[in-house]
Amino acid sequence: MLGSSDLVGFVATTDLARAKAFYGEVLGLDHVGESPVAQVFDAGGTTLRVTLVDRVVAVPYTVLGWTVVDIEATIRAAQAKGVAFERFAGMDQDALGVWTTPGGQRVAWFKDPDGNVLSLTQPR
């Protein structure tokens, strides 16, 4: 039914200007539009709507993630723009915060200014 339809991703924010700066300037997504209730980005061909809410309810899991070719270079570039990477108790993460899955994928997590958990994954 929806297999040929375009996916739109949503993430919540309490501050549209701050979200525009983070997703556009820090993460480098192309800003394609805005309204009084959302900032809209092109995330590699997928539409991302960062939607205004009164309160973001933080969840302990990843809400958005990107597949990257070189996770270390991507982390360093993000850190240079002020992004801090998360560490989780009980996970064997390296000095950059990267965890290697049993299947060999490399994953790192960070949060947006509203506390939404985002991730980077480098395939095996």
N, C-alpha and C. Protein backbone atom coordinates (compact mmCIF):
# COMPACT_ATOMS: atom_id res chain seq x y z
N MET A 1 0.80 -1.20 0.00
CA MET A 1 0.00 0.00 0.00
C MET A 1 0.85 1.27 0.00
N LEU A 2 1.87 1.35 0.87
CA LEU A 2 2.69 2.57 0.93
C LEU A 2 4.11 2.36 0.40
N GLY A 3 4.39 1.20 -0.14
CA GLY A 3 5.73 0.88 -0.61
C GLY A 3 6.29 1.82 -1.65
N SER A 4 5.44 2.45 -2.43
CA SER A 4 5.93 3.38 -3.46
C SER A 4 5.75 4.85 -3.05
N SER A 5 5.34 5.07 -1.80
CA SER A 5 5.14 6.44 -1.32
C SER A 5 6.38 6.92 -0.57
N ASP A 6 6.62 8.22 -0.62
CA ASP A 6 7.77 8.80 0.07
C ASP A 6 7.53 8.82 1.58
N LEU A 7 8.56 8.50 2.33
CA LEU A 7 8.52 8.55 3.78
C LEU A 7 8.84 9.97 4.25
N VAL A 8 8.15 10.44 5.27
CA VAL A 8 8.44 11.71 5.93
C VAL A 8 8.77 11.37 7.38
N GLY A 9 9.94 11.83 7.84
CA GLY A 9 10.31 11.64 9.23
C GLY A 9 9.91 12.85 10.05
N PHE A 10 9.56 12.60 11.32
CA PHE A 10 9.17 13.68 12.21
C PHE A 10 10.01 13.62 13.48
N VAL A 11 10.37 14.77 13.99
CA VAL A 11 11.02 14.89 15.29
C VAL A 11 10.49 16.17 15.93
N ALA A 12 10.39 16.14 17.25
CA ALA A 12 9.78 17.26 17.96
C ALA A 12 10.81 18.25 18.47
N THR A 13 10.38 19.52 18.56
CA THR A 13 11.21 20.58 19.13
C THR A 13 10.31 21.57 19.86
N THR A 14 10.91 22.25 20.82
CA THR A 14 10.20 23.35 21.49
C THR A 14 10.67 24.71 20.99
N ASP A 15 11.65 24.71 20.07
CA ASP A 15 12.24 25.96 19.59
C ASP A 15 12.62 25.80 18.12
N LEU A 16 11.80 26.33 17.24
CA LEU A 16 12.03 26.16 15.81
C LEU A 16 13.33 26.81 15.33
N ALA A 17 13.67 27.96 15.85
CA ALA A 17 14.92 28.62 15.42
C ALA A 17 16.13 27.80 15.82
N ARG A 18 16.12 27.27 17.03
CA ARG A 18 17.22 26.43 17.51
C ARG A 18 17.31 25.15 16.68
N ALA A 19 16.16 24.57 16.36
CA ALA A 19 16.15 23.35 15.55
C ALA A 19 16.68 23.63 14.14
N LYS A 20 16.30 24.78 13.58
CA LYS A 20 16.79 25.14 12.24
C LYS A 20 18.31 25.25 12.24
N ALA A 21 18.86 25.87 13.27
CA ALA A 21 20.31 26.00 13.37
C ALA A 21 20.98 24.64 13.54
N PHE A 22 20.43 23.79 14.40
CA PHE A 22 21.06 22.50 14.67
C PHE A 22 21.00 21.59 13.44
N TYR A 23 19.82 21.35 12.92
CA TYR A 23 19.68 20.42 11.81
C TYR A 23 20.27 20.98 10.51
N GLY A 24 20.19 22.29 10.33
CA GLY A 24 20.72 22.89 9.11
C GLY A 24 22.20 23.20 9.19
N GLU A 25 22.59 24.01 10.16
CA GLU A 25 23.98 24.47 10.23
C GLU A 25 24.91 23.44 10.86
N VAL A 26 24.49 22.79 11.91
CA VAL A 26 25.37 21.82 12.58
C VAL A 26 25.41 20.50 11.82
N LEU A 27 24.24 19.91 11.54
CA LEU A 27 24.22 18.61 10.86
C LEU A 27 24.34 18.72 9.34
N GLY A 28 24.09 19.91 8.80
CA GLY A 28 24.28 20.12 7.37
C GLY A 28 23.15 19.65 6.47
N LEU A 29 21.94 19.50 7.03
CA LEU A 29 20.80 19.13 6.19
C LEU A 29 20.33 20.35 5.41
N ASP A 30 19.85 20.13 4.20
CA ASP A 30 19.33 21.22 3.39
C ASP A 30 17.97 21.65 3.93
N HIS A 31 17.86 22.93 4.29
CA HIS A 31 16.59 23.49 4.77
C HIS A 31 15.75 23.80 3.55
N VAL A 32 14.54 23.21 3.49
CA VAL A 32 13.71 23.38 2.30
C VAL A 32 12.41 24.12 2.55
N GLY A 33 12.12 24.43 3.81
CA GLY A 33 10.90 25.18 4.07
C GLY A 33 10.63 25.34 5.55
N GLU A 34 9.69 26.23 5.83
CA GLU A 34 9.30 26.43 7.21
C GLU A 34 7.88 26.96 7.26
N SER A 35 7.29 26.78 8.42
CA SER A 35 5.95 27.30 8.68
C SER A 35 5.93 27.70 10.15
N PRO A 36 4.84 28.24 10.63
CA PRO A 36 4.79 28.57 12.06
C PRO A 36 4.88 27.35 12.98
N VAL A 37 4.75 26.14 12.42
CA VAL A 37 4.77 24.94 13.27
C VAL A 37 5.85 23.93 12.90
N ALA A 38 6.70 24.23 11.92
CA ALA A 38 7.72 23.25 11.53
C ALA A 38 8.86 23.87 10.74
N GLN A 39 10.02 23.25 10.86
CA GLN A 39 11.15 23.48 9.97
C GLN A 39 11.24 22.20 9.13
N VAL A 40 11.47 22.35 7.82
CA VAL A 40 11.49 21.19 6.94
C VAL A 40 12.86 21.09 6.27
N PHE A 41 13.40 19.86 6.28
CA PHE A 41 14.73 19.60 5.74
C PHE A 41 14.68 18.44 4.75
N ASP A 42 15.66 18.43 3.84
CA ASP A 42 15.90 17.28 2.98
C ASP A 42 17.03 16.51 3.63
N ALA A 43 16.73 15.30 4.07
CA ALA A 43 17.73 14.45 4.72
C ALA A 43 18.09 13.32 3.76
N GLY A 44 18.93 13.64 2.79
CA GLY A 44 19.35 12.64 1.83
C GLY A 44 18.23 12.07 0.99
N GLY A 45 17.25 12.91 0.65
CA GLY A 45 16.14 12.48 -0.17
C GLY A 45 14.88 12.16 0.63
N THR A 46 14.99 12.13 1.95
CA THR A 46 13.84 11.93 2.82
C THR A 46 13.48 13.26 3.45
N THR A 47 12.21 13.59 3.48
CA THR A 47 11.77 14.82 4.13
C THR A 47 11.78 14.63 5.63
N LEU A 48 12.38 15.57 6.33
CA LEU A 48 12.38 15.59 7.79
C LEU A 48 11.65 16.85 8.24
N ARG A 49 10.55 16.65 8.98
CA ARG A 49 9.79 17.78 9.55
C ARG A 49 10.12 17.85 11.03
N VAL A 50 10.74 18.94 11.44
CA VAL A 50 11.01 19.19 12.85
C VAL A 50 9.85 20.05 13.32
N THR A 51 8.99 19.45 14.13
CA THR A 51 7.68 20.00 14.44
C THR A 51 7.63 20.62 15.83
N LEU A 52 7.03 21.79 15.92
CA LEU A 52 6.91 22.52 17.17
C LEU A 52 5.89 21.84 18.10
N VAL A 53 6.32 21.62 19.33
CA VAL A 53 5.44 21.07 20.37
C VAL A 53 5.63 21.90 21.64
N ASP A 54 4.70 21.81 22.56
CA ASP A 54 4.83 22.52 23.83
C ASP A 54 5.91 21.92 24.71
N ARG A 55 6.02 20.58 24.65
CA ARG A 55 6.99 19.88 25.50
C ARG A 55 7.45 18.63 24.78
N VAL A 56 8.76 18.44 24.70
CA VAL A 56 9.31 17.22 24.12
C VAL A 56 9.41 16.19 25.23
N VAL A 57 8.86 15.03 24.97
CA VAL A 57 8.97 13.92 25.92
C VAL A 57 10.18 13.09 25.49
N ALA A 58 11.23 13.16 26.28
CA ALA A 58 12.46 12.43 25.94
C ALA A 58 12.23 10.93 26.04
N VAL A 59 12.67 10.22 25.02
CA VAL A 59 12.59 8.76 25.03
C VAL A 59 14.01 8.20 25.05
N PRO A 60 14.20 7.03 25.63
CA PRO A 60 15.55 6.49 25.79
C PRO A 60 16.08 5.73 24.58
N TYR A 61 15.48 5.92 23.43
CA TYR A 61 15.91 5.18 22.24
C TYR A 61 16.08 6.15 21.07
N THR A 62 16.70 5.66 20.04
CA THR A 62 16.99 6.46 18.85
C THR A 62 15.71 6.79 18.08
N VAL A 63 15.56 8.06 17.72
CA VAL A 63 14.40 8.48 16.93
C VAL A 63 14.76 8.75 15.47
N LEU A 64 16.01 9.09 15.20
CA LEU A 64 16.50 9.31 13.84
C LEU A 64 17.93 8.81 13.76
N GLY A 65 18.31 8.28 12.60
CA GLY A 65 19.68 7.83 12.43
C GLY A 65 20.13 7.97 11.00
N TRP A 66 21.43 8.09 10.82
CA TRP A 66 22.03 8.22 9.50
C TRP A 66 23.05 7.12 9.30
N THR A 67 23.08 6.56 8.09
CA THR A 67 24.13 5.63 7.70
C THR A 67 25.26 6.45 7.11
N VAL A 68 26.47 6.24 7.60
CA VAL A 68 27.63 7.01 7.15
C VAL A 68 28.73 6.07 6.66
N VAL A 69 29.59 6.60 5.80
CA VAL A 69 30.69 5.82 5.25
C VAL A 69 31.85 5.74 6.23
N ASP A 70 32.14 6.83 6.92
CA ASP A 70 33.28 6.90 7.84
C ASP A 70 32.80 7.50 9.16
N ILE A 71 32.48 6.66 10.11
CA ILE A 71 31.90 7.13 11.36
C ILE A 71 32.87 7.99 12.16
N GLU A 72 34.14 7.65 12.14
CA GLU A 72 35.12 8.44 12.90
C GLU A 72 35.22 9.86 12.35
N ALA A 73 35.31 10.00 11.04
CA ALA A 73 35.39 11.33 10.43
C ALA A 73 34.10 12.12 10.68
N THR A 74 32.96 11.44 10.62
CA THR A 74 31.69 12.11 10.86
C THR A 74 31.59 12.58 12.30
N ILE A 75 32.02 11.75 13.23
CA ILE A 75 32.00 12.14 14.65
C ILE A 75 32.90 13.34 14.87
N ARG A 76 34.10 13.30 14.32
CA ARG A 76 35.03 14.43 14.52
C ARG A 76 34.47 15.72 13.93
N ALA A 77 33.84 15.63 12.77
CA ALA A 77 33.24 16.83 12.15
C ALA A 77 32.10 17.35 13.02
N ALA A 78 31.29 16.45 13.56
CA ALA A 78 30.19 16.87 14.43
C ALA A 78 30.72 17.47 15.74
N GLN A 79 31.74 16.85 16.31
CA GLN A 79 32.33 17.38 17.53
C GLN A 79 32.90 18.78 17.31
N ALA A 80 33.47 19.02 16.14
CA ALA A 80 34.02 20.34 15.82
C ALA A 80 32.92 21.41 15.80
N LYS A 81 31.68 20.97 15.61
CA LYS A 81 30.54 21.90 15.61
C LYS A 81 29.80 21.87 16.95
N GLY A 82 30.40 21.23 17.96
CA GLY A 82 29.84 21.26 19.30
C GLY A 82 28.95 20.09 19.69
N VAL A 83 28.84 19.08 18.83
CA VAL A 83 28.01 17.92 19.15
C VAL A 83 28.76 17.02 20.13
N ALA A 84 28.08 16.64 21.20
CA ALA A 84 28.64 15.72 22.19
C ALA A 84 28.05 14.33 21.97
N PHE A 85 28.86 13.31 22.02
CA PHE A 85 28.40 11.95 21.81
C PHE A 85 28.14 11.28 23.15
N GLU A 86 27.13 10.42 23.13
CA GLU A 86 26.63 9.79 24.35
C GLU A 86 27.42 8.54 24.70
N ARG A 87 27.43 8.26 25.98
CA ARG A 87 28.00 7.00 26.49
C ARG A 87 26.91 6.32 27.30
N PHE A 88 26.85 5.01 27.16
CA PHE A 88 25.82 4.24 27.85
C PHE A 88 26.46 3.17 28.72
N ALA A 89 26.02 3.10 29.95
CA ALA A 89 26.54 2.10 30.89
C ALA A 89 26.32 0.71 30.32
N GLY A 90 27.33 -0.11 30.46
CA GLY A 90 27.23 -1.49 30.02
C GLY A 90 27.53 -1.72 28.55
N MET A 91 27.80 -0.65 27.80
CA MET A 91 28.13 -0.81 26.39
C MET A 91 29.62 -0.56 26.20
N ASP A 92 30.26 -1.42 25.46
CA ASP A 92 31.69 -1.31 25.21
C ASP A 92 31.93 -0.34 24.05
N GLN A 93 32.03 0.96 24.40
CA GLN A 93 32.24 2.00 23.40
C GLN A 93 33.70 2.43 23.41
N ASP A 94 34.23 2.75 22.23
CA ASP A 94 35.62 3.19 22.14
C ASP A 94 35.76 4.65 22.57
N ALA A 95 36.96 5.20 22.37
CA ALA A 95 37.26 6.56 22.84
C ALA A 95 36.34 7.62 22.21
N LEU A 96 35.83 7.36 21.01
CA LEU A 96 34.93 8.32 20.35
C LEU A 96 33.46 8.06 20.71
N GLY A 97 33.20 7.00 21.45
CA GLY A 97 31.82 6.66 21.80
C GLY A 97 31.18 5.67 20.85
N VAL A 98 31.99 5.03 20.02
CA VAL A 98 31.47 4.09 19.03
C VAL A 98 31.35 2.70 19.64
N TRP A 99 30.20 2.07 19.43
CA TRP A 99 29.96 0.69 19.84
C TRP A 99 29.94 -0.16 18.59
N THR A 100 30.60 -1.30 18.62
CA THR A 100 30.58 -2.23 17.49
C THR A 100 29.59 -3.34 17.80
N THR A 101 28.61 -3.51 16.91
CA THR A 101 27.58 -4.53 17.10
C THR A 101 28.18 -5.92 16.90
N PRO A 102 27.50 -6.97 17.36
CA PRO A 102 27.98 -8.33 17.10
C PRO A 102 28.14 -8.62 15.60
N GLY A 103 27.38 -7.94 14.76
CA GLY A 103 27.48 -8.13 13.32
C GLY A 103 28.53 -7.26 12.65
N GLY A 104 29.21 -6.40 13.42
CA GLY A 104 30.29 -5.59 12.87
C GLY A 104 29.93 -4.17 12.48
N GLN A 105 28.66 -3.77 12.62
CA GLN A 105 28.31 -2.38 12.36
C GLN A 105 28.86 -1.53 13.50
N ARG A 106 29.21 -0.30 13.19
CA ARG A 106 29.71 0.64 14.20
C ARG A 106 28.67 1.73 14.40
N VAL A 107 28.29 1.99 15.67
CA VAL A 107 27.19 2.89 15.98
C VAL A 107 27.62 3.89 17.05
N ALA A 108 27.19 5.13 16.90
CA ALA A 108 27.41 6.17 17.91
C ALA A 108 26.13 6.99 18.02
N TRP A 109 25.92 7.55 19.22
CA TRP A 109 24.69 8.29 19.49
C TRP A 109 24.99 9.69 19.99
N PHE A 110 24.09 10.61 19.68
CA PHE A 110 24.16 11.99 20.16
C PHE A 110 22.74 12.50 20.30
N LYS A 111 22.58 13.65 20.93
CA LYS A 111 21.25 14.22 21.11
C LYS A 111 21.14 15.56 20.42
N ASP A 112 19.94 15.87 19.97
CA ASP A 112 19.68 17.21 19.46
C ASP A 112 19.41 18.13 20.65
N PRO A 113 19.25 19.43 20.44
CA PRO A 113 19.06 20.35 21.57
C PRO A 113 17.81 20.07 22.41
N ASP A 114 16.86 19.31 21.89
CA ASP A 114 15.66 18.96 22.65
C ASP A 114 15.79 17.63 23.38
N GLY A 115 16.94 16.97 23.24
CA GLY A 115 17.15 15.69 23.92
C GLY A 115 16.73 14.48 23.12
N ASN A 116 16.35 14.66 21.85
CA ASN A 116 16.04 13.52 21.00
C ASN A 116 17.32 12.76 20.70
N VAL A 117 17.30 11.44 20.83
CA VAL A 117 18.48 10.61 20.58
C VAL A 117 18.58 10.34 19.08
N LEU A 118 19.74 10.67 18.53
CA LEU A 118 20.04 10.48 17.12
C LEU A 118 21.24 9.56 17.02
N SER A 119 21.43 8.91 15.86
CA SER A 119 22.55 7.98 15.76
C SER A 119 23.25 8.07 14.41
N LEU A 120 24.47 7.56 14.41
CA LEU A 120 25.25 7.35 13.20
C LEU A 120 25.56 5.86 13.15
N THR A 121 25.46 5.26 11.97
CA THR A 121 25.81 3.85 11.79
C THR A 121 26.71 3.71 10.58
N GLN A 122 27.83 3.04 10.79
CA GLN A 122 28.71 2.69 9.67
C GLN A 122 28.52 1.20 9.44
N PRO A 123 28.06 0.81 8.23
CA PRO A 123 27.88 -0.61 7.95
C PRO A 123 29.21 -1.36 8.05
N ARG A 124 29.09 -2.64 8.21
CA ARG A 124 30.28 -3.51 8.31
C ARG A 124 31.10 -3.43 7.06
